[in-house]
C-alpha atoms as a PDB file:
ATOM      1  CA  MET A   1       0.051   0.158   0.535  1.00  0.00           C
ATOM      2  CA  THR A   2       1.340   3.572  -0.641  1.00  0.00           C
ATOM      3  CA  PRO A   3       1.471   6.812   1.424  1.00  0.00           C
ATOM      4  CA  ALA A   4      -1.176   8.951   0.791  1.00  0.00           C
ATOM      5  CA  PRO A   5       0.289  11.692  -1.082  1.00  0.00           C
ATOM      6  CA  GLU A   6       0.790  15.197   0.409  1.00  0.00           C
ATOM      7  CA  LYS A   7      -0.875  17.696   0.010  1.00  0.00           C
ATOM      8  CA  ARG A   8       1.239  20.362   1.664  1.00  0.00           C
ATOM      9  CA  ARG A   9       2.115  23.360  -0.161  1.00  0.00           C
ATOM     10  CA  PHE A  10       5.708  24.163   2.082  1.00  0.00           C
ATOM     11  CA  ARG A  11       8.074  21.893   4.286  1.00  0.00           C
ATOM     12  CA  ARG A  12       7.204  22.248   8.025  1.00  0.00           C
ATOM     13  CA  VAL A  13       9.508  22.544  10.713  1.00  0.00           C
ATOM     14  CA  PRO A  14       9.649  21.020  14.250  1.00  0.00           C
ATOM     15  CA  ILE A  15       9.111  23.873  16.436  1.00  0.00           C
ATOM     16  CA  ALA A  16       8.855  24.877  20.638  1.00  0.00           C
ATOM     17  CA  TYR A  17       7.282  27.651  21.272  1.00  0.00           C
ATOM     18  CA  GLU A  18       4.329  28.713  23.296  1.00  0.00           C
ATOM     19  CA  VAL A  19       1.583  29.681  21.076  1.00  0.00           C
ATOM     20  CA  LYS A  20      -1.629  31.579  21.665  1.00  0.00           C
ATOM     21  CA  LEU A  21      -4.555  31.691  20.731  1.00  0.00           C
ATOM     22  CA  ILE A  22      -7.185  34.627  20.710  1.00  0.00           C
ATOM     23  CA  VAL A  23     -11.371  34.502  19.828  1.00  0.00           C
ATOM     24  CA  GLU A  24     -13.616  37.238  20.767  1.00  0.00           C
ATOM     25  CA  ASP A  25     -13.497  38.067  23.447  1.00  0.00           C
ATOM     26  CA  ARG A  26     -10.748  34.490  24.753  1.00  0.00           C
ATOM     27  CA  ILE A  27      -7.349  33.979  24.721  1.00  0.00           C
ATOM     28  CA  ILE A  28      -6.453  30.202  24.942  1.00  0.00           C
ATOM     29  CA  SER A  29      -2.678  29.192  25.519  1.00  0.00           C
ATOM     30  CA  PHE A  30      -0.537  26.311  24.567  1.00  0.00           C
ATOM     31  CA  PRO A  31       2.032  25.287  26.732  1.00  0.00           C
ATOM     32  CA  SER A  32       4.042  23.767  23.460  1.00  0.00           C
ATOM     33  CA  ALA A  33       3.670  24.308  18.963  1.00  0.00           C
ATOM     34  CA  ILE A  34       4.685  20.364  17.196  1.00  0.00           C
ATOM     35  CA  ASP A  35       5.332  21.470  13.833  1.00  0.00           C
ATOM     36  CA  LEU A  36       5.298  25.324  11.652  1.00  0.00           C
ATOM     37  CA  SER A  37       5.889  26.398   7.641  1.00  0.00           C
ATOM     38  CA  LEU A  38       3.834  29.184   5.953  1.00  0.00           C
ATOM     39  CA  GLY A  39       0.792  27.213   5.402  1.00  0.00           C
ATOM     40  CA  GLY A  40       0.498  26.806   9.095  1.00  0.00           C
ATOM     41  CA  ILE A  41       1.070  25.769  12.544  1.00  0.00           C
ATOM     42  CA  LEU A  42       0.443  22.185  14.593  1.00  0.00           C
ATOM     43  CA  VAL A  43      -0.260  23.086  18.123  1.00  0.00           C
ATOM     44  CA  ASP A  44      -0.148  20.066  20.984  1.00  0.00           C
ATOM     45  CA  GLY A  45      -3.251  20.106  22.700  1.00  0.00           C
ATOM     46  CA  ARG A  46      -7.266  20.312  22.968  1.00  0.00           C
ATOM     47  CA  SER A  47      -9.151  23.577  22.488  1.00  0.00           C
ATOM     48  CA  PRO A  48     -12.598  23.770  22.549  1.00  0.00           C
ATOM     49  CA  LEU A  49     -13.093  26.316  19.500  1.00  0.00           C
ATOM     50  CA  PRO A  50     -15.074  24.085  16.435  1.00  0.00           C
ATOM     51  CA  VAL A  51     -13.220  23.971  13.338  1.00  0.00           C
ATOM     52  CA  GLY A  52     -13.123  26.491  11.101  1.00  0.00           C
ATOM     53  CA  THR A  53     -13.445  29.263  14.132  1.00  0.00           C
ATOM     54  CA  THR A  54     -11.010  32.514  12.940  1.00  0.00           C
ATOM     55  CA  CYS A  55      -8.823  33.712  15.480  1.00  0.00           C
ATOM     56  CA  GLY A  56      -5.850  36.340  15.732  1.00  0.00           C
ATOM     57  CA  LEU A  57      -2.179  33.855  16.743  1.00  0.00           C
ATOM     58  CA  ALA A  58       0.707  34.944  18.659  1.00  0.00           C
ATOM     59  CA  ILE A  59       4.187  33.136  18.657  1.00  0.00           C
ATOM     60  CA  LEU A  60       5.839  33.475  21.914  1.00  0.00           C
ATOM     61  CA  LEU A  61       9.954  33.165  20.696  1.00  0.00           C
ATOM     62  CA  GLY A  62      11.337  34.645  23.655  1.00  0.00           C
ATOM     63  CA  ALA A  63       9.579  33.560  27.118  1.00  0.00           C
ATOM     64  CA  GLY A  64       8.351  36.902  28.978  1.00  0.00           C
ATOM     65  CA  GLU A  65      10.311  39.343  26.672  1.00  0.00           C
ATOM     66  CA  PRO A  66       8.312  42.277  25.108  1.00  0.00           C
ATOM     67  CA  GLY A  67       8.434  41.827  21.355  1.00  0.00           C
ATOM     68  CA  LYS A  68       9.167  38.324  20.970  1.00  0.00           C
ATOM     69  CA  ARG A  69       6.586  37.380  18.943  1.00  0.00           C
ATOM     70  CA  ILE A  70       4.976  37.073  15.148  1.00  0.00           C
ATOM     71  CA  VAL A  71       1.974  37.841  15.596  1.00  0.00           C
ATOM     72  CA  THR A  72      -0.631  36.697  12.720  1.00  0.00           C
ATOM     73  CA  ARG A  73      -4.135  35.926  11.668  1.00  0.00           C
ATOM     74  CA  GLY A  74      -5.826  32.111  10.897  1.00  0.00           C
ATOM     75  CA  MET A  75      -8.679  29.598  11.074  1.00  0.00           C
ATOM     76  CA  VAL A  76      -8.470  26.200  12.825  1.00  0.00           C
ATOM     77  CA  VAL A  77      -8.926  23.616   9.748  1.00  0.00           C
ATOM     78  CA  ARG A  78      -8.059  20.131  11.552  1.00  0.00           C
ATOM     79  CA  VAL A  79      -8.567  19.336  15.696  1.00  0.00           C
ATOM     80  CA  ASP A  80      -7.263  15.188  16.709  1.00  0.00           C
ATOM     81  CA  GLU A  81      -5.485  13.560  18.652  1.00  0.00           C
ATOM     82  CA  ARG A  82      -1.947  14.918  17.696  1.00  0.00           C
ATOM     83  CA  GLY A  83      -3.284  18.802  17.964  1.00  0.00           C
ATOM     84  CA  VAL A  84      -5.131  21.331  16.399  1.00  0.00           C
ATOM     85  CA  ALA A  85      -4.674  22.492  12.871  1.00  0.00           C
ATOM     86  CA  ILE A  86      -3.728  26.353  12.200  1.00  0.00           C
ATOM     87  CA  ALA A  87      -4.028  27.539   8.805  1.00  0.00           C
ATOM     88  CA  PHE A  88      -2.711  30.923   8.037  1.00  0.00           C
ATOM     89  CA  SER A  89      -4.665  33.478   6.815  1.00  0.00           C
ATOM     90  CA  ARG A  90      -3.868  33.854   2.578  1.00  0.00           C
ATOM     91  CA  ASN A  91      -3.634  38.074   3.775  1.00  0.00           C
ATOM     92  CA  LEU A  92      -1.058  38.397   6.079  1.00  0.00           C
ATOM     93  CA  GLU A  93       0.330  41.623   5.903  1.00  0.00           C
ATOM     94  CA  PRO A  94       3.513  41.581   4.640  1.00  0.00           C
ATOM     95  CA  ALA A  95       5.585  42.210   7.831  1.00  0.00           C
ATOM     96  CA  SER A  96       4.085  38.764   9.736  1.00  0.00           C
ATOM     97  CA  THR A  97       4.942  36.521   6.554  1.00  0.00           C
ATOM     98  CA  GLU A  98       8.424  37.667   6.643  1.00  0.00           C
ATOM     99  CA  ALA A  99       8.715  37.020  10.252  1.00  0.00           C
ATOM    100  CA  LEU A 100       7.482  33.793   9.673  1.00  0.00           C
ATOM    101  CA  LYS A 101       9.601  33.214   6.645  1.00  0.00           C
ATOM    102  CA  LEU A 102      12.545  34.185   8.461  1.00  0.00           C
ATOM    103  CA  LEU A 103      11.853  32.233  10.852  1.00  0.00           C
ATOM    104  CA  ILE A 104      11.171  29.246   9.289  1.00  0.00           C
ATOM    105  CA  HIS A 105      14.655  29.902   7.528  1.00  0.00           C
ATOM    106  CA  SER A 106      16.470  30.115  10.851  1.00  0.00           C
ATOM    107  CA  LEU A 107      14.973  26.516  11.627  1.00  0.00           C
ATOM    108  CA  ASP A 108      15.938  25.262   8.876  1.00  0.00           C
ATOM    109  CA  PRO A 109      16.405  26.168   5.224  1.00  0.00           C
ATOM    110  CA  LEU A 110      15.193  24.955   2.153  1.00  0.00           C
ATOM    111  CA  ALA A 111      11.403  24.998   4.137  1.00  0.00           C
ATOM    112  CA  GLU A 112      10.086  27.499   3.157  1.00  0.00           C
ATOM    113  CA  GLU A 113      10.445  26.931  -1.064  1.00  0.00           C
ATOM    114  CA  PRO A 114       7.218  24.829  -1.868  1.00  0.00           C
ATOM    115  CA  ARG A 115       6.806  21.262  -2.408  1.00  0.00           C
ATOM    116  CA  ASP A 116       7.237  19.802  -5.599  1.00  0.00           C
ATOM    117  CA  GLN A 117       4.274  18.451  -6.808  1.00  0.00           C
END
């Protein structure tokens, strides 16, 4: 049996930063992310948010250090035993896109290149 073809456009890189989701008037904290790509992030933990929920998202790069974070927008696309998958908005501000690219490049210089289709 052959594995299912990869549908992701970008390679994922493992990360372990804390992530906070902002939904309406709530902040939901996830102690650790699992992986990250230019298309989205997988965070470790259960979520009370249903698939389709839009949210603000902060990736905290320096524990307790002000300004050491990437702030962006996304939507919950999957919740399962692995965690909560969030796809980044396609309309990200250029500064958010550039910050994500820099972070991903620092972790794996080839990861921001699109996958071969």
